[in-house]
Amino acid sequence: MPDSLSTTFAALADPTRRAILARLARGQATVTELAEPFAMTLPTVSRHLKVLENAGLVVKTRDAQWRPCRLETAPLRVVDDWLATYREFFEGRFDLLERHLRTLTDPPKE
């Protein structure tokens, strides 16, 4: 079985699922509301939602006959924590690049 980080990345790999998450970041929505901007059937959108649910990124609740979905941010925090190491690495590399570029553009000091 894949680890939770791999499952989250797999869910985020699809642009439709990222768009669904972006919509849910503004507040909960029904499957019908989530399907509106896409040229796909409700069952197809439901399959995307199932992938997001399995990754723990979306939670469906019950409100009478409605099934509103909401964003669950905990898996995104895990991704952010994992990326933090790489963020620090790249920021250090950018600092080195900036220093190097300055040596190329600054006049030599006497």
PDB file of N, CA and C in Angstrom:
ATOM      1  N   MET A   1       0.841  -1.194   0.000  1.00  0.00           N
ATOM      2  CA  MET A   1       0.000   0.000   0.000  1.00  0.00           C
ATOM      3  C   MET A   1       0.879   1.247   0.000  1.00  0.00           C
ATOM      4  N   PRO A   2       0.485   2.235  -0.793  1.00  0.00           N
ATOM      5  CA  PRO A   2       1.267   3.476  -0.800  1.00  0.00           C
ATOM      6  C   PRO A   2       1.112   4.225   0.523  1.00  0.00           C
ATOM      7  N   ASP A   3       2.143   4.974   0.859  1.00  0.00           N
ATOM      8  CA  ASP A   3       2.074   5.791   2.066  1.00  0.00           C
ATOM      9  C   ASP A   3       1.155   6.990   1.806  1.00  0.00           C
ATOM     10  N   SER A   4       0.782   7.687   2.863  1.00  0.00           N
ATOM     11  CA  SER A   4      -0.186   8.782   2.724  1.00  0.00           C
ATOM     12  C   SER A   4       0.351   9.922   1.867  1.00  0.00           C
ATOM     13  N   LEU A   5       1.640  10.185   1.936  1.00  0.00           N
ATOM     14  CA  LEU A   5       2.221  11.249   1.123  1.00  0.00           C
ATOM     15  C   LEU A   5       2.107  10.900  -0.366  1.00  0.00           C
ATOM     16  N   SER A   6       2.382   9.666  -0.722  1.00  0.00           N
ATOM     17  CA  SER A   6       2.258   9.232  -2.112  1.00  0.00           C
ATOM     18  C   SER A   6       0.809   9.305  -2.581  1.00  0.00           C
ATOM     19  N   THR A   7      -0.109   8.913  -1.721  1.00  0.00           N
ATOM     20  CA  THR A   7      -1.531   8.977  -2.060  1.00  0.00           C
ATOM     21  C   THR A   7      -1.966  10.422  -2.277  1.00  0.00           C
ATOM     22  N   THR A   8      -1.480  11.328  -1.440  1.00  0.00           N
ATOM     23  CA  THR A   8      -1.818  12.747  -1.584  1.00  0.00           C
ATOM     24  C   THR A   8      -1.267  13.292  -2.892  1.00  0.00           C
ATOM     25  N   PHE A   9       0.006  12.996  -3.183  1.00  0.00           N
ATOM     26  CA  PHE A   9       0.589  13.474  -4.436  1.00  0.00           C
ATOM     27  C   PHE A   9      -0.144  12.901  -5.651  1.00  0.00           C
ATOM     28  N   ALA A  10      -0.526  11.648  -5.594  1.00  0.00           N
ATOM     29  CA  ALA A  10      -1.267  11.038  -6.703  1.00  0.00           C
ATOM     30  C   ALA A  10      -2.600  11.748  -6.913  1.00  0.00           C
ATOM     31  N   ALA A  11      -3.265  12.092  -5.812  1.00  0.00           N
ATOM     32  CA  ALA A  11      -4.543  12.807  -5.919  1.00  0.00           C
ATOM     33  C   ALA A  11      -4.341  14.204  -6.495  1.00  0.00           C
ATOM     34  N   LEU A  12      -3.243  14.850  -6.124  1.00  0.00           N
ATOM     35  CA  LEU A  12      -2.959  16.210  -6.602  1.00  0.00           C
ATOM     36  C   LEU A  12      -2.423  16.237  -8.027  1.00  0.00           C
ATOM     37  N   ALA A  13      -2.083  15.092  -8.574  1.00  0.00           N
ATOM     38  CA  ALA A  13      -1.480  15.037  -9.911  1.00  0.00           C
ATOM     39  C   ALA A  13      -2.451  15.429 -11.015  1.00  0.00           C
ATOM     40  N   ASP A  14      -3.730  15.354 -10.752  1.00  0.00           N
ATOM     41  CA  ASP A  14      -4.734  15.631 -11.781  1.00  0.00           C
ATOM     42  C   ASP A  14      -5.225  17.071 -11.694  1.00  0.00           C
ATOM     43  N   PRO A  15      -5.244  17.811 -12.806  1.00  0.00           N
ATOM     44  CA  PRO A  15      -5.681  19.214 -12.765  1.00  0.00           C
ATOM     45  C   PRO A  15      -7.150  19.396 -12.373  1.00  0.00           C
ATOM     46  N   THR A  16      -7.999  18.440 -12.719  1.00  0.00           N
ATOM     47  CA  THR A  16      -9.417  18.543 -12.322  1.00  0.00           C
ATOM     48  C   THR A  16      -9.527  18.454 -10.804  1.00  0.00           C
ATOM     49  N   ARG A  17      -8.790  17.539 -10.209  1.00  0.00           N
ATOM     50  CA  ARG A  17      -8.857  17.397  -8.750  1.00  0.00           C
ATOM     51  C   ARG A  17      -8.278  18.629  -8.060  1.00  0.00           C
ATOM     52  N   ARG A  18      -7.216  19.209  -8.630  1.00  0.00           N
ATOM     53  CA  ARG A  18      -6.678  20.448  -8.045  1.00  0.00           C
ATOM     54  C   ARG A  18      -7.698  21.576  -8.155  1.00  0.00           C
ATOM     55  N   ALA A  19      -8.421  21.635  -9.257  1.00  0.00           N
ATOM     56  CA  ALA A  19      -9.460  22.659  -9.415  1.00  0.00           C
ATOM     57  C   ALA A  19     -10.594  22.452  -8.406  1.00  0.00           C
ATOM     58  N   ILE A  20     -10.946  21.212  -8.161  1.00  0.00           N
ATOM     59  CA  ILE A  20     -11.978  20.912  -7.156  1.00  0.00           C
ATOM     60  C   ILE A  20     -11.513  21.380  -5.782  1.00  0.00           C
ATOM     61  N   LEU A  21     -10.257  21.099  -5.445  1.00  0.00           N
ATOM     62  CA  LEU A  21      -9.723  21.547  -4.152  1.00  0.00           C
ATOM     63  C   LEU A  21      -9.699  23.071  -4.067  1.00  0.00           C
ATOM     64  N   ALA A  22      -9.345  23.730  -5.166  1.00  0.00           N
ATOM     65  CA  ALA A  22      -9.333  25.201  -5.174  1.00  0.00           C
ATOM     66  C   ALA A  22     -10.735  25.736  -4.915  1.00  0.00           C
ATOM     67  N   ARG A  23     -11.737  25.099  -5.492  1.00  0.00           N
ATOM     68  CA  ARG A  23     -13.124  25.527  -5.249  1.00  0.00           C
ATOM     69  C   ARG A  23     -13.505  25.290  -3.797  1.00  0.00           C
ATOM     70  N   LEU A  24     -13.125  24.148  -3.245  1.00  0.00           N
ATOM     71  CA  LEU A  24     -13.475  23.836  -1.856  1.00  0.00           C
ATOM     72  C   LEU A  24     -12.719  24.710  -0.863  1.00  0.00           C
ATOM     73  N   ALA A  25     -11.611  25.281  -1.283  1.00  0.00           N
ATOM     74  CA  ALA A  25     -10.885  26.210  -0.404  1.00  0.00           C
ATOM     75  C   ALA A  25     -11.717  27.457  -0.132  1.00  0.00           C
ATOM     76  N   ARG A  26     -12.681  27.748  -0.995  1.00  0.00           N
ATOM     77  CA  ARG A  26     -13.582  28.900  -0.792  1.00  0.00           C
ATOM     78  C   ARG A  26     -14.786  28.546   0.080  1.00  0.00           C
ATOM     79  N   GLY A  27     -14.978  27.255   0.352  1.00  0.00           N
ATOM     80  CA  GLY A  27     -16.105  26.824   1.184  1.00  0.00           C
ATOM     81  C   GLY A  27     -16.699  25.541   0.643  1.00  0.00           C
ATOM     82  N   GLN A  28     -17.520  24.910   1.466  1.00  0.00           N
ATOM     83  CA  GLN A  28     -18.082  23.625   1.063  1.00  0.00           C
ATOM     84  C   GLN A  28     -19.017  23.776  -0.129  1.00  0.00           C
ATOM     85  N   ALA A  29     -19.194  22.680  -0.860  1.00  0.00           N
ATOM     86  CA  ALA A  29     -20.039  22.681  -2.060  1.00  0.00           C
ATOM     87  C   ALA A  29     -20.572  21.272  -2.283  1.00  0.00           C
ATOM     88  N   THR A  30     -21.686  21.190  -2.978  1.00  0.00           N
ATOM     89  CA  THR A  30     -22.251  19.890  -3.339  1.00  0.00           C
ATOM     90  C   THR A  30     -21.530  19.360  -4.575  1.00  0.00           C
ATOM     91  N   VAL A  31     -21.745  18.085  -4.863  1.00  0.00           N
ATOM     92  CA  VAL A  31     -21.139  17.479  -6.052  1.00  0.00           C
ATOM     93  C   VAL A  31     -21.620  18.207  -7.302  1.00  0.00           C
ATOM     94  N   THR A  32     -22.886  18.550  -7.348  1.00  0.00           N
ATOM     95  CA  THR A  32     -23.435  19.271  -8.500  1.00  0.00           C
ATOM     96  C   THR A  32     -22.747  20.620  -8.675  1.00  0.00           C
ATOM     97  N   GLU A  33     -22.547  21.336  -7.591  1.00  0.00           N
ATOM     98  CA  GLU A  33     -21.860  22.631  -7.670  1.00  0.00           C
ATOM     99  C   GLU A  33     -20.415  22.456  -8.119  1.00  0.00           C
ATOM    100  N   LEU A  34     -19.768  21.404  -7.633  1.00  0.00           N
ATOM    101  CA  LEU A  34     -18.385  21.155  -8.020  1.00  0.00           C
ATOM    102  C   LEU A  34     -18.271  20.762  -9.486  1.00  0.00           C
ATOM    103  N   ALA A  35     -19.310  20.119 -10.021  1.00  0.00           N
ATOM    104  CA  ALA A  35     -19.287  19.657 -11.409  1.00  0.00           C
ATOM    105  C   ALA A  35     -19.553  20.778 -12.417  1.00  0.00           C
ATOM    106  N   GLU A  36     -20.187  21.873 -11.982  1.00  0.00           N
ATOM    107  CA  GLU A  36     -20.617  22.936 -12.903  1.00  0.00           C
ATOM    108  C   GLU A  36     -19.541  23.415 -13.879  1.00  0.00           C
ATOM    109  N   PRO A  37     -18.313  23.729 -13.439  1.00  0.00           N
ATOM    110  CA  PRO A  37     -17.362  24.284 -14.395  1.00  0.00           C
ATOM    111  C   PRO A  37     -16.718  23.260 -15.337  1.00  0.00           C
ATOM    112  N   PHE A  38     -17.026  21.986 -15.171  1.00  0.00           N
ATOM    113  CA  PHE A  38     -16.356  20.949 -15.955  1.00  0.00           C
ATOM    114  C   PHE A  38     -17.291  20.368 -17.005  1.00  0.00           C
ATOM    115  N   ALA A  39     -16.729  20.027 -18.135  1.00  0.00           N
ATOM    116  CA  ALA A  39     -17.489  19.370 -19.199  1.00  0.00           C
ATOM    117  C   ALA A  39     -17.375  17.860 -19.000  1.00  0.00           C
ATOM    118  N   MET A  40     -17.942  17.402 -17.889  1.00  0.00           N
ATOM    119  CA  MET A  40     -17.918  15.967 -17.591  1.00  0.00           C
ATOM    120  C   MET A  40     -19.181  15.607 -16.819  1.00  0.00           C
ATOM    121  N   THR A  41     -19.468  14.331 -16.787  1.00  0.00           N
ATOM    122  CA  THR A  41     -20.679  13.861 -16.117  1.00  0.00           C
ATOM    123  C   THR A  41     -20.501  13.886 -14.599  1.00  0.00           C
ATOM    124  N   LEU A  42     -21.628  13.851 -13.899  1.00  0.00           N
ATOM    125  CA  LEU A  42     -21.577  13.785 -12.436  1.00  0.00           C
ATOM    126  C   LEU A  42     -20.844  12.535 -11.942  1.00  0.00           C
ATOM    127  N   PRO A  43     -21.053  11.358 -12.575  1.00  0.00           N
ATOM    128  CA  PRO A  43     -20.298  10.187 -12.118  1.00  0.00           C
ATOM    129  C   PRO A  43     -18.776  10.364 -12.267  1.00  0.00           C
ATOM    130  N   THR A  44     -18.347  11.072 -13.305  1.00  0.00           N
ATOM    131  CA  THR A  44     -16.914  11.307 -13.477  1.00  0.00           C
ATOM    132  C   THR A  44     -16.393  12.220 -12.380  1.00  0.00           C
ATOM    133  N   VAL A  45     -17.128  13.266 -12.058  1.00  0.00           N
ATOM    134  CA  VAL A  45     -16.738  14.161 -10.973  1.00  0.00           C
ATOM    135  C   VAL A  45     -16.740  13.379  -9.657  1.00  0.00           C
ATOM    136  N   SER A  46     -17.710  12.523  -9.470  1.00  0.00           N
ATOM    137  CA  SER A  46     -17.768  11.697  -8.255  1.00  0.00           C
ATOM    138  C   SER A  46     -16.543  10.799  -8.137  1.00  0.00           C
ATOM    139  N   ARG A  47     -16.057  10.272  -9.266  1.00  0.00           N
ATOM    140  CA  ARG A  47     -14.848   9.444  -9.219  1.00  0.00           C
ATOM    141  C   ARG A  47     -13.640  10.281  -8.790  1.00  0.00           C
ATOM    142  N   HIS A  48     -13.550  11.518  -9.293  1.00  0.00           N
ATOM    143  CA  HIS A  48     -12.475  12.413  -8.858  1.00  0.00           C
ATOM    144  C   HIS A  48     -12.587  12.687  -7.354  1.00  0.00           C
ATOM    145  N   LEU A  49     -13.804  12.920  -6.895  1.00  0.00           N
ATOM    146  CA  LEU A  49     -14.015  13.178  -5.467  1.00  0.00           C
ATOM    147  C   LEU A  49     -13.629  11.958  -4.628  1.00  0.00           C
ATOM    148  N   LYS A  50     -13.888  10.769  -5.145  1.00  0.00           N
ATOM    149  CA  LYS A  50     -13.541   9.546  -4.416  1.00  0.00           C
ATOM    150  C   LYS A  50     -12.026   9.450  -4.229  1.00  0.00           C
ATOM    151  N   VAL A  51     -11.267   9.818  -5.258  1.00  0.00           N
ATOM    152  CA  VAL A  51      -9.799   9.820  -5.147  1.00  0.00           C
ATOM    153  C   VAL A  51      -9.371  10.824  -4.075  1.00  0.00           C
ATOM    154  N   LEU A  52      -9.984  12.013  -4.087  1.00  0.00           N
ATOM    155  CA  LEU A  52      -9.664  13.039  -3.088  1.00  0.00           C
ATOM    156  C   LEU A  52     -10.062  12.590  -1.679  1.00  0.00           C
ATOM    157  N   GLU A  53     -11.191  11.912  -1.576  1.00  0.00           N
ATOM    158  CA  GLU A  53     -11.623  11.372  -0.273  1.00  0.00           C
ATOM    159  C   GLU A  53     -10.645  10.309   0.222  1.00  0.00           C
ATOM    160  N   ASN A  54     -10.236   9.410  -0.659  1.00  0.00           N
ATOM    161  CA  ASN A  54      -9.301   8.340  -0.271  1.00  0.00           C
ATOM    162  C   ASN A  54      -7.963   8.905   0.187  1.00  0.00           C
ATOM    163  N   ALA A  55      -7.598  10.072  -0.354  1.00  0.00           N
ATOM    164  CA  ALA A  55      -6.356  10.737   0.058  1.00  0.00           C
ATOM    165  C   ALA A  55      -6.562  11.565   1.321  1.00  0.00           C
ATOM    166  N   GLY A  56      -7.808  11.651   1.791  1.00  0.00           N
ATOM    167  CA  GLY A  56      -8.102  12.424   2.995  1.00  0.00           C
ATOM    168  C   GLY A  56      -8.199  13.921   2.751  1.00  0.00           C
ATOM    169  N   LEU A  57      -8.255  14.331   1.485  1.00  0.00           N
ATOM    170  CA  LEU A  57      -8.300  15.759   1.149  1.00  0.00           C
ATOM    171  C   LEU A  57      -9.709  16.336   1.133  1.00  0.00           C
ATOM    172  N   VAL A  58     -10.703  15.470   0.991  1.00  0.00           N
ATOM    173  CA  VAL A  58     -12.099  15.904   0.929  1.00  0.00           C
ATOM    174  C   VAL A  58     -12.919  15.039   1.875  1.00  0.00           C
ATOM    175  N   VAL A  59     -13.841  15.677   2.554  1.00  0.00           N
ATOM    176  CA  VAL A  59     -14.774  14.979   3.445  1.00  0.00           C
ATOM    177  C   VAL A  59     -16.183  15.314   2.982  1.00  0.00           C
ATOM    178  N   LYS A  60     -16.987  14.265   2.793  1.00  0.00           N
ATOM    179  CA  LYS A  60     -18.404  14.472   2.453  1.00  0.00           C
ATOM    180  C   LYS A  60     -19.204  14.396   3.742  1.00  0.00           C
ATOM    181  N   THR A  61     -20.110  15.345   3.896  1.00  0.00           N
ATOM    182  CA  THR A  61     -20.995  15.346   5.061  1.00  0.00           C
ATOM    183  C   THR A  61     -22.419  15.103   4.583  1.00  0.00           C
ATOM    184  N   ARG A  62     -23.345  15.046   5.524  1.00  0.00           N
ATOM    185  CA  ARG A  62     -24.743  14.845   5.177  1.00  0.00           C
ATOM    186  C   ARG A  62     -25.575  15.988   5.713  1.00  0.00           C
ATOM    187  N   ASP A  63     -26.397  16.534   4.846  1.00  0.00           N
ATOM    188  CA  ASP A  63     -27.333  17.583   5.239  1.00  0.00           C
ATOM    189  C   ASP A  63     -28.642  17.283   4.533  1.00  0.00           C
ATOM    190  N   ALA A  64     -29.514  16.546   5.211  1.00  0.00           N
ATOM    191  CA  ALA A  64     -30.765  16.053   4.624  1.00  0.00           C
ATOM    192  C   ALA A  64     -30.410  15.227   3.378  1.00  0.00           C
ATOM    193  N   GLN A  65     -30.941  15.607   2.200  1.00  0.00           N
ATOM    194  CA  GLN A  65     -30.638  14.851   0.987  1.00  0.00           C
ATOM    195  C   GLN A  65     -29.353  15.328   0.313  1.00  0.00           C
ATOM    196  N   TRP A  66     -28.758  16.387   0.806  1.00  0.00           N
ATOM    197  CA  TRP A  66     -27.547  16.934   0.215  1.00  0.00           C
ATOM    198  C   TRP A  66     -26.308  16.273   0.796  1.00  0.00           C
ATOM    199  N   ARG A  67     -25.254  16.231   0.019  1.00  0.00           N
ATOM    200  CA  ARG A  67     -23.957  15.688   0.450  1.00  0.00           C
ATOM    201  C   ARG A  67     -22.875  16.734   0.184  1.00  0.00           C
ATOM    202  N   PRO A  68     -22.850  17.774   1.019  1.00  0.00           N
ATOM    203  CA  PRO A  68     -21.809  18.785   0.802  1.00  0.00           C
ATOM    204  C   PRO A  68     -20.416  18.225   1.063  1.00  0.00           C
ATOM    205  N   CYS A  69     -19.466  18.710   0.283  1.00  0.00           N
ATOM    206  CA  CYS A  69     -18.067  18.312   0.431  1.00  0.00           C
ATOM    207  C   CYS A  69     -17.304  19.481   1.022  1.00  0.00           C
ATOM    208  N   ARG A  70     -16.288  19.157   1.810  1.00  0.00           N
ATOM    209  CA  ARG A  70     -15.433  20.213   2.341  1.00  0.00           C
ATOM    210  C   ARG A  70     -13.983  19.775   2.251  1.00  0.00           C
ATOM    211  N   LEU A  71     -13.112  20.759   2.233  1.00  0.00           N
ATOM    212  CA  LEU A  71     -11.678  20.521   2.147  1.00  0.00           C
ATOM    213  C   LEU A  71     -11.140  20.102   3.508  1.00  0.00           C
ATOM    214  N   GLU A  72     -10.284  19.106   3.517  1.00  0.00           N
ATOM    215  CA  GLU A  72      -9.562  18.690   4.722  1.00  0.00           C
ATOM    216  C   GLU A  72      -8.089  19.027   4.482  1.00  0.00           C
ATOM    217  N   THR A  73      -7.537  19.897   5.314  1.00  0.00           N
ATOM    218  CA  THR A  73      -6.205  20.434   5.046  1.00  0.00           C
ATOM    219  C   THR A  73      -5.055  19.624   5.655  1.00  0.00           C
ATOM    220  N   ALA A  74      -5.327  18.688   6.534  1.00  0.00           N
ATOM    221  CA  ALA A  74      -4.248  17.948   7.199  1.00  0.00           C
ATOM    222  C   ALA A  74      -3.276  17.290   6.207  1.00  0.00           C
ATOM    223  N   PRO A  75      -3.760  16.613   5.150  1.00  0.00           N
ATOM    224  CA  PRO A  75      -2.797  16.023   4.211  1.00  0.00           C
ATOM    225  C   PRO A  75      -1.940  17.082   3.496  1.00  0.00           C
ATOM    226  N   LEU A  76      -2.487  18.260   3.289  1.00  0.00           N
ATOM    227  CA  LEU A  76      -1.711  19.324   2.650  1.00  0.00           C
ATOM    228  C   LEU A  76      -0.619  19.832   3.588  1.00  0.00           C
ATOM    229  N   ARG A  77      -0.887  19.817   4.885  1.00  0.00           N
ATOM    230  CA  ARG A  77       0.150  20.200   5.852  1.00  0.00           C
ATOM    231  C   ARG A  77       1.312  19.204   5.836  1.00  0.00           C
ATOM    232  N   VAL A  78       0.988  17.934   5.670  1.00  0.00           N
ATOM    233  CA  VAL A  78       2.034  16.903   5.575  1.00  0.00           C
ATOM    234  C   VAL A  78       2.896  17.153   4.337  1.00  0.00           C
ATOM    235  N   VAL A  79       2.262  17.488   3.214  1.00  0.00           N
ATOM    236  CA  VAL A  79       2.999  17.808   1.986  1.00  0.00           C
ATOM    237  C   VAL A  79       3.875  19.035   2.217  1.00  0.00           C
ATOM    238  N   ASP A  80       3.319  20.058   2.855  1.00  0.00           N
ATOM    239  CA  ASP A  80       4.079  21.281   3.114  1.00  0.00           C
ATOM    240  C   ASP A  80       5.287  20.993   4.012  1.00  0.00           C
ATOM    241  N   ASP A  81       5.107  20.160   5.024  1.00  0.00           N
ATOM    242  CA  ASP A  81       6.225  19.785   5.903  1.00  0.00           C
ATOM    243  C   ASP A  81       7.309  19.049   5.112  1.00  0.00           C
ATOM    244  N   TRP A  82       6.896  18.154   4.233  1.00  0.00           N
ATOM    245  CA  TRP A  82       7.848  17.401   3.426  1.00  0.00           C
ATOM    246  C   TRP A  82       8.607  18.341   2.480  1.00  0.00           C
ATOM    247  N   LEU A  83       7.891  19.291   1.901  1.00  0.00           N
ATOM    248  CA  LEU A  83       8.513  20.242   0.973  1.00  0.00           C
ATOM    249  C   LEU A  83       9.418  21.248   1.677  1.00  0.00           C
ATOM    250  N   ALA A  84       9.239  21.450   2.968  1.00  0.00           N
ATOM    251  CA  ALA A  84      10.009  22.455   3.702  1.00  0.00           C
ATOM    252  C   ALA A  84      11.513  22.214   3.579  1.00  0.00           C
ATOM    253  N   THR A  85      11.922  20.968   3.635  1.00  0.00           N
ATOM    254  CA  THR A  85      13.344  20.636   3.502  1.00  0.00           C
ATOM    255  C   THR A  85      13.868  21.094   2.147  1.00  0.00           C
ATOM    256  N   TYR A  86      13.105  20.839   1.119  1.00  0.00           N
ATOM    257  CA  TYR A  86      13.520  21.212  -0.231  1.00  0.00           C
ATOM    258  C   TYR A  86      13.441  22.722  -0.437  1.00  0.00           C
ATOM    259  N   ARG A  87      12.471  23.331   0.210  1.00  0.00           N
ATOM    260  CA  ARG A  87      12.342  24.791   0.135  1.00  0.00           C
ATOM    261  C   ARG A  87      13.596  25.445   0.703  1.00  0.00           C
ATOM    262  N   GLU A  88      14.058  24.963   1.854  1.00  0.00           N
ATOM    263  CA  GLU A  88      15.279  25.495   2.476  1.00  0.00           C
ATOM    264  C   GLU A  88      16.490  25.270   1.564  1.00  0.00           C
ATOM    265  N   PHE A  89      16.567  24.103   0.952  1.00  0.00           N
ATOM    266  CA  PHE A  89      17.668  23.801   0.040  1.00  0.00           C
ATOM    267  C   PHE A  89      17.678  24.787  -1.131  1.00  0.00           C
ATOM    268  N   PHE A  90      16.514  24.970  -1.762  1.00  0.00           N
ATOM    269  CA  PHE A  90      16.463  25.848  -2.931  1.00  0.00           C
ATOM    270  C   PHE A  90      16.673  27.307  -2.568  1.00  0.00           C
ATOM    271  N   GLU A  91      16.192  27.724  -1.416  1.00  0.00           N
ATOM    272  CA  GLU A  91      16.443  29.103  -0.999  1.00  0.00           C
ATOM    273  C   GLU A  91      17.940  29.339  -0.828  1.00  0.00           C
ATOM    274  N   GLY A  92      18.647  28.358  -0.273  1.00  0.00           N
ATOM    275  CA  GLY A  92      20.103  28.457  -0.142  1.00  0.00           C
ATOM    276  C   GLY A  92      20.772  28.512  -1.505  1.00  0.00           C
ATOM    277  N   ARG A  93      20.288  27.708  -2.440  1.00  0.00           N
ATOM    278  CA  ARG A  93      20.846  27.714  -3.795  1.00  0.00           C
ATOM    279  C   ARG A  93      20.588  29.051  -4.480  1.00  0.00           C
ATOM    280  N   PHE A  94      19.409  29.620  -4.267  1.00  0.00           N
ATOM    281  CA  PHE A  94      19.099  30.926  -4.869  1.00  0.00           C
ATOM    282  C   PHE A  94      20.008  32.008  -4.287  1.00  0.00           C
ATOM    283  N   ASP A  95      20.298  31.918  -2.989  1.00  0.00           N
ATOM    284  CA  ASP A  95      21.220  32.887  -2.375  1.00  0.00           C
ATOM    285  C   ASP A  95      22.601  32.795  -3.016  1.00  0.00           C
ATOM    286  N   LEU A  96      23.080  31.560  -3.247  1.00  0.00           N
ATOM    287  CA  LEU A  96      24.370  31.375  -3.909  1.00  0.00           C
ATOM    288  C   LEU A  96      24.349  31.916  -5.337  1.00  0.00           C
ATOM    289  N   LEU A  97      23.255  31.671  -6.041  1.00  0.00           N
ATOM    290  CA  LEU A  97      23.119  32.179  -7.406  1.00  0.00           C
ATOM    291  C   LEU A  97      23.127  33.698  -7.422  1.00  0.00           C
ATOM    292  N   GLU A  98      22.421  34.310  -6.474  1.00  0.00           N
ATOM    293  CA  GLU A  98      22.383  35.773  -6.395  1.00  0.00           C
ATOM    294  C   GLU A  98      23.791  36.336  -6.170  1.00  0.00           C
ATOM    295  N   ARG A  99      24.538  35.720  -5.264  1.00  0.00           N
ATOM    296  CA  ARG A  99      25.913  36.184  -5.016  1.00  0.00           C
ATOM    297  C   ARG A  99      26.777  36.049  -6.265  1.00  0.00           C
ATOM    298  N   HIS A 100      26.622  34.950  -6.950  1.00  0.00           N
ATOM    299  CA  HIS A 100      27.399  34.738  -8.171  1.00  0.00           C
ATOM    300  C   HIS A 100      27.024  35.774  -9.237  1.00  0.00           C
ATOM    301  N   LEU A 101      25.742  36.016  -9.417  1.00  0.00           N
ATOM    302  CA  LEU A 101      25.312  36.994 -10.414  1.00  0.00           C
ATOM    303  C   LEU A 101      25.823  38.394 -10.078  1.00  0.00           C
ATOM    304  N   ARG A 102      25.902  38.708  -8.816  1.00  0.00           N
ATOM    305  CA  ARG A 102      26.435  40.021  -8.418  1.00  0.00           C
ATOM    306  C   ARG A 102      27.905  40.150  -8.794  1.00  0.00           C
ATOM    307  N   THR A 103      28.649  39.055  -8.685  1.00  0.00           N
ATOM    308  CA  THR A 103      30.071  39.133  -9.081  1.00  0.00           C
ATOM    309  C   THR A 103      30.198  39.379 -10.577  1.00  0.00           C
ATOM    310  N   LEU A 104      29.212  38.967 -11.342  1.00  0.00           N
ATOM    311  CA  LEU A 104      29.253  39.163 -12.787  1.00  0.00           C
ATOM    312  C   LEU A 104      28.831  40.564 -13.202  1.00  0.00           C
ATOM    313  N   THR A 105      27.969  41.201 -12.391  1.00  0.00           N
ATOM    314  CA  THR A 105      27.432  42.503 -12.775  1.00  0.00           C
ATOM    315  C   THR A 105      28.038  43.674 -12.016  1.00  0.00           C
ATOM    316  N   ASP A 106      28.547  43.438 -10.822  1.00  0.00           N
ATOM    317  CA  ASP A 106      29.156  44.534 -10.032  1.00  0.00           C
ATOM    318  C   ASP A 106      30.561  44.811 -10.531  1.00  0.00           C
ATOM    319  N   PRO A 107      30.919  46.094 -10.597  1.00  0.00           N
ATOM    320  CA  PRO A 107      32.302  46.396 -10.996  1.00  0.00           C
ATOM    321  C   PRO A 107      33.274  45.922  -9.921  1.00  0.00           C
ATOM    322  N   PRO A 108      34.491  45.533 -10.341  1.00  0.00           N
ATOM    323  CA  PRO A 108      35.474  45.071  -9.338  1.00  0.00           C
ATOM    324  C   PRO A 108      35.842  46.202  -8.393  1.00  0.00           C
ATOM    325  N   LYS A 109      36.039  45.835  -7.135  1.00  0.00           N
ATOM    326  CA  LYS A 109      36.391  46.824  -6.114  1.00  0.00           C
ATOM    327  C   LYS A 109      37.907  46.922  -6.024  1.00  0.00           C
ATOM    328  N   GLU A 110      38.404  48.148  -5.889  1.00  0.00           N
ATOM    329  CA  GLU A 110      39.865  48.356  -5.786  1.00  0.00           C
ATOM    330  C   GLU A 110      40.270  48.532  -4.364  1.00  0.00           C
TER     331      GLU A 110
END
